[in-house]
Amino acid sequence: MSDIFSRMFAEKPFTLMEQALDAASMRHEVISGNIANVDTPGYKRKSVSFEGALKQELGLIDEDYRQGEKLSGAFSEDQMGRLSEFRPRVLEANRDQVMRVDGNNVDVEGEMALLAKNTMMFHAIASMLTMRLRDIKNVIKEGRG
């Protein structure tokens, strides 16, 4: 029985949702750090690379990030292995992008907008995960009856 549950939670939707929640959580921390360092001379804003880098890693889009590409269909064994190993990465902004005299390039309004967007994304993914788990719970309940 535990083998069945292991396979259910290793499915593509759960792996993708887990990775996306990890990325959103990391992005929240990074954005919060950017906001906290708005007055730190020489601080360079950081960002989290995940969605586009994931698509590129899995070979779903080429390097020029064609518009309209989506995650679709069944993944190969190789892609699933790479998906489970893929982690979001923190990137520092280009040092040439200095907005202020003190060398800091954090824009508080922009960071607040990113934080709001990230919060909505996190809640949307968590809701999808909740619905998926509710579906599994319903299947289990019906199987008992």
C-alpha atoms as a PDB file:
ATOM      1  CA  MET A   1       0.000   0.000   0.000  1.00  0.00           C
ATOM      2  CA  SER A   2       2.783   2.481   0.807  1.00  0.00           C
ATOM      3  CA  ASP A   3       4.196   1.848  -2.679  1.00  0.00           C
ATOM      4  CA  ILE A   4       0.953   3.178  -4.181  1.00  0.00           C
ATOM      5  CA  PHE A   5       1.162   6.356  -2.105  1.00  0.00           C
ATOM      6  CA  SER A   6       4.836   6.811  -2.970  1.00  0.00           C
ATOM      7  CA  ARG A   7       4.022   6.627  -6.658  1.00  0.00           C
ATOM      8  CA  MET A   8       1.035   8.992  -6.333  1.00  0.00           C
ATOM      9  CA  PHE A   9       3.128  11.689  -4.691  1.00  0.00           C
ATOM     10  CA  ALA A  10       6.007  11.231  -7.134  1.00  0.00           C
ATOM     11  CA  GLU A  11       3.736  12.146 -10.041  1.00  0.00           C
ATOM     12  CA  LYS A  12       4.557  15.171 -12.179  1.00  0.00           C
ATOM     13  CA  PRO A  13       1.901  17.475 -10.628  1.00  0.00           C
ATOM     14  CA  PHE A  14       3.172  16.954  -7.100  1.00  0.00           C
ATOM     15  CA  THR A  15       6.811  17.336  -8.109  1.00  0.00           C
ATOM     16  CA  LEU A  16       6.067  20.520 -10.039  1.00  0.00           C
ATOM     17  CA  MET A  17       3.965  21.980  -7.224  1.00  0.00           C
ATOM     18  CA  GLU A  18       6.633  21.148  -4.646  1.00  0.00           C
ATOM     19  CA  GLN A  19       9.317  22.816  -6.745  1.00  0.00           C
ATOM     20  CA  ALA A  20       7.117  25.854  -7.442  1.00  0.00           C
ATOM     21  CA  LEU A  21       6.301  26.278  -3.729  1.00  0.00           C
ATOM     22  CA  ASP A  22      10.010  26.021  -2.898  1.00  0.00           C
ATOM     23  CA  ALA A  23      10.775  28.692  -5.505  1.00  0.00           C
ATOM     24  CA  ALA A  24       8.010  30.989  -4.237  1.00  0.00           C
ATOM     25  CA  SER A  25       9.233  30.588  -0.659  1.00  0.00           C
ATOM     26  CA  MET A  26      12.820  31.335  -1.665  1.00  0.00           C
ATOM     27  CA  ARG A  27      11.656  34.281  -3.790  1.00  0.00           C
ATOM     28  CA  HIS A  28       9.788  35.713  -0.778  1.00  0.00           C
ATOM     29  CA  GLU A  29      12.963  35.555   1.316  1.00  0.00           C
ATOM     30  CA  VAL A  30      15.070  37.140  -1.431  1.00  0.00           C
ATOM     31  CA  ILE A  31      12.597  39.970  -2.069  1.00  0.00           C
ATOM     32  CA  SER A  32      12.329  40.603   1.682  1.00  0.00           C
ATOM     33  CA  GLY A  33      16.120  40.786   1.826  1.00  0.00           C
ATOM     34  CA  ASN A  34      16.161  43.263  -1.038  1.00  0.00           C
ATOM     35  CA  ILE A  35      13.653  45.470   0.766  1.00  0.00           C
ATOM     36  CA  ALA A  36      15.582  45.206   4.043  1.00  0.00           C
ATOM     37  CA  ASN A  37      18.760  46.348   2.258  1.00  0.00           C
ATOM     38  CA  VAL A  38      17.239  49.285   0.381  1.00  0.00           C
ATOM     39  CA  ASP A  39      19.512  51.716   2.256  1.00  0.00           C
ATOM     40  CA  THR A  40      22.668  49.556   2.264  1.00  0.00           C
ATOM     41  CA  PRO A  41      25.331  51.242   0.113  1.00  0.00           C
ATOM     42  CA  GLY A  42      26.628  48.966  -2.638  1.00  0.00           C
ATOM     43  CA  TYR A  43      23.901  46.339  -2.170  1.00  0.00           C
ATOM     44  CA  LYS A  44      22.833  44.656  -5.408  1.00  0.00           C
ATOM     45  CA  ARG A  45      19.303  43.324  -5.605  1.00  0.00           C
ATOM     46  CA  LYS A  46      18.877  39.593  -5.917  1.00  0.00           C
ATOM     47  CA  SER A  47      16.284  37.543  -7.726  1.00  0.00           C
ATOM     48  CA  VAL A  48      15.267  33.898  -7.989  1.00  0.00           C
ATOM     49  CA  SER A  49      15.586  31.987 -11.243  1.00  0.00           C
ATOM     50  CA  PHE A  50      13.117  29.136 -11.542  1.00  0.00           C
ATOM     51  CA  GLU A  51      10.321  29.004 -14.117  1.00  0.00           C
ATOM     52  CA  GLY A  52      12.243  29.897 -17.277  1.00  0.00           C
ATOM     53  CA  ALA A  53      15.336  28.026 -16.122  1.00  0.00           C
ATOM     54  CA  LEU A  54      13.222  24.922 -15.397  1.00  0.00           C
ATOM     55  CA  LYS A  55      11.694  24.958 -18.866  1.00  0.00           C
ATOM     56  CA  GLN A  56      15.137  25.339 -20.402  1.00  0.00           C
ATOM     57  CA  GLU A  57      16.600  22.564 -18.219  1.00  0.00           C
ATOM     58  CA  LEU A  58      13.877  20.161 -19.311  1.00  0.00           C
ATOM     59  CA  GLY A  59      14.372  21.092 -22.951  1.00  0.00           C
ATOM     60  CA  LEU A  60      10.842  22.493 -23.248  1.00  0.00           C
ATOM     61  CA  ILE A  61      12.074  25.754 -24.740  1.00  0.00           C
ATOM     62  CA  ASP A  62      15.256  26.780 -26.431  1.00  0.00           C
ATOM     63  CA  GLU A  63      17.670  29.412 -25.183  1.00  0.00           C
ATOM     64  CA  ASP A  64      15.777  32.316 -26.736  1.00  0.00           C
ATOM     65  CA  TYR A  65      12.692  31.503 -24.564  1.00  0.00           C
ATOM     66  CA  ARG A  66      10.115  31.349 -27.338  1.00  0.00           C
ATOM     67  CA  GLN A  67       6.792  32.843 -26.285  1.00  0.00           C
ATOM     68  CA  GLY A  68       3.840  30.542 -25.686  1.00  0.00           C
ATOM     69  CA  GLU A  69       5.784  27.414 -24.688  1.00  0.00           C
ATOM     70  CA  LYS A  70       4.069  25.537 -21.867  1.00  0.00           C
ATOM     71  CA  LEU A  71       4.724  22.495 -19.726  1.00  0.00           C
ATOM     72  CA  SER A  72       2.696  19.798 -21.398  1.00  0.00           C
ATOM     73  CA  GLY A  73       2.366  16.105 -22.008  1.00  0.00           C
ATOM     74  CA  ALA A  74       4.205  13.299 -20.323  1.00  0.00           C
ATOM     75  CA  PHE A  75       7.799  13.777 -19.285  1.00  0.00           C
ATOM     76  CA  SER A  76      10.454  11.256 -20.156  1.00  0.00           C
ATOM     77  CA  GLU A  77      12.245   9.340 -17.388  1.00  0.00           C
ATOM     78  CA  ASP A  78      15.263  11.586 -17.934  1.00  0.00           C
ATOM     79  CA  GLN A  79      13.175  14.759 -17.648  1.00  0.00           C
ATOM     80  CA  MET A  80      11.492  13.503 -14.449  1.00  0.00           C
ATOM     81  CA  GLY A  81      14.920  12.785 -12.953  1.00  0.00           C
ATOM     82  CA  ARG A  82      16.119  16.278 -13.818  1.00  0.00           C
ATOM     83  CA  LEU A  83      12.872  17.778 -12.520  1.00  0.00           C
ATOM     84  CA  SER A  84      13.261  16.144  -9.111  1.00  0.00           C
ATOM     85  CA  GLU A  85      16.841  17.452  -8.854  1.00  0.00           C
ATOM     86  CA  PHE A  86      16.103  20.971 -10.099  1.00  0.00           C
ATOM     87  CA  ARG A  87      16.302  23.740  -7.495  1.00  0.00           C
ATOM     88  CA  PRO A  88      15.595  27.455  -7.714  1.00  0.00           C
ATOM     89  CA  ARG A  89      18.716  29.632  -7.765  1.00  0.00           C
ATOM     90  CA  VAL A  90      19.423  33.043  -6.304  1.00  0.00           C
ATOM     91  CA  LEU A  91      20.991  35.449  -8.784  1.00  0.00           C
ATOM     92  CA  GLU A  92      22.579  38.819  -8.111  1.00  0.00           C
ATOM     93  CA  ALA A  93      21.606  41.640 -10.445  1.00  0.00           C
ATOM     94  CA  ASN A  94      24.118  42.777 -13.012  1.00  0.00           C
ATOM     95  CA  ARG A  95      26.655  45.076 -11.365  1.00  0.00           C
ATOM     96  CA  ASP A  96      26.243  47.523 -14.256  1.00  0.00           C
ATOM     97  CA  GLN A  97      22.608  48.146 -13.257  1.00  0.00           C
ATOM     98  CA  VAL A  98      23.227  50.801 -10.621  1.00  0.00           C
ATOM     99  CA  MET A  99      20.276  53.091 -10.011  1.00  0.00           C
ATOM    100  CA  ARG A 100      21.685  55.287  -7.269  1.00  0.00           C
ATOM    101  CA  VAL A 101      24.895  57.095  -6.456  1.00  0.00           C
ATOM    102  CA  ASP A 102      25.558  54.840  -3.433  1.00  0.00           C
ATOM    103  CA  GLY A 103      25.728  51.768  -5.715  1.00  0.00           C
ATOM    104  CA  ASN A 104      22.437  50.276  -4.486  1.00  0.00           C
ATOM    105  CA  ASN A 105      19.979  49.207  -7.179  1.00  0.00           C
ATOM    106  CA  VAL A 106      16.912  48.256  -5.108  1.00  0.00           C
ATOM    107  CA  ASP A 107      13.636  49.881  -6.135  1.00  0.00           C
ATOM    108  CA  VAL A 108      11.258  49.495  -3.169  1.00  0.00           C
ATOM    109  CA  GLU A 109       8.073  49.962  -5.216  1.00  0.00           C
ATOM    110  CA  GLY A 110       9.207  47.354  -7.721  1.00  0.00           C
ATOM    111  CA  GLU A 111      10.125  44.921  -4.952  1.00  0.00           C
ATOM    112  CA  MET A 112       6.743  45.417  -3.252  1.00  0.00           C
ATOM    113  CA  ALA A 113       4.982  44.657  -6.546  1.00  0.00           C
ATOM    114  CA  LEU A 114       7.095  41.513  -6.978  1.00  0.00           C
ATOM    115  CA  LEU A 115       6.295  40.486  -3.411  1.00  0.00           C
ATOM    116  CA  ALA A 116       2.543  40.857  -4.036  1.00  0.00           C
ATOM    117  CA  LYS A 117       2.782  38.881  -7.284  1.00  0.00           C
ATOM    118  CA  ASN A 118       4.810  36.159  -5.583  1.00  0.00           C
ATOM    119  CA  THR A 119       2.301  35.919  -2.721  1.00  0.00           C
ATOM    120  CA  MET A 120      -0.553  35.438  -5.189  1.00  0.00           C
ATOM    121  CA  MET A 121       1.454  32.774  -7.024  1.00  0.00           C
ATOM    122  CA  PHE A 122       2.201  30.934  -3.780  1.00  0.00           C
ATOM    123  CA  HIS A 123      -1.479  30.927  -2.789  1.00  0.00           C
ATOM    124  CA  ALA A 124      -2.562  29.742  -6.245  1.00  0.00           C
ATOM    125  CA  ILE A 125      -0.126  26.819  -6.173  1.00  0.00           C
ATOM    126  CA  ALA A 126      -1.096  25.932  -2.595  1.00  0.00           C
ATOM    127  CA  SER A 127      -4.774  25.956  -3.647  1.00  0.00           C
ATOM    128  CA  MET A 128      -4.034  23.624  -6.575  1.00  0.00           C
ATOM    129  CA  LEU A 129      -2.191  21.285  -4.240  1.00  0.00           C
ATOM    130  CA  THR A 130      -5.085  21.345  -1.769  1.00  0.00           C
ATOM    131  CA  MET A 131      -7.571  20.488  -4.526  1.00  0.00           C
ATOM    132  CA  ARG A 132      -5.382  17.620  -5.749  1.00  0.00           C
ATOM    133  CA  LEU A 133      -5.101  16.218  -2.234  1.00  0.00           C
ATOM    134  CA  ARG A 134      -8.868  16.594  -1.739  1.00  0.00           C
ATOM    135  CA  ASP A 135      -9.424  14.593  -4.934  1.00  0.00           C
ATOM    136  CA  ILE A 136      -7.175  11.812  -3.648  1.00  0.00           C
ATOM    137  CA  LYS A 137      -8.975  11.846  -0.306  1.00  0.00           C
ATOM    138  CA  ASN A 138     -12.328  11.508  -2.102  1.00  0.00           C
ATOM    139  CA  VAL A 139     -11.054   8.575  -4.158  1.00  0.00           C
ATOM    140  CA  ILE A 140      -9.875   6.845  -0.995  1.00  0.00           C
ATOM    141  CA  LYS A 141     -13.234   7.474   0.730  1.00  0.00           C
ATOM    142  CA  GLU A 142     -15.172   6.099  -2.250  1.00  0.00           C
ATOM    143  CA  GLY A 143     -12.895   3.048  -2.377  1.00  0.00           C
ATOM    144  CA  ARG A 144     -13.796   2.156   1.185  1.00  0.00           C
ATOM    145  CA  GLY A 145     -17.543   2.269   0.516  1.00  0.00           C
END
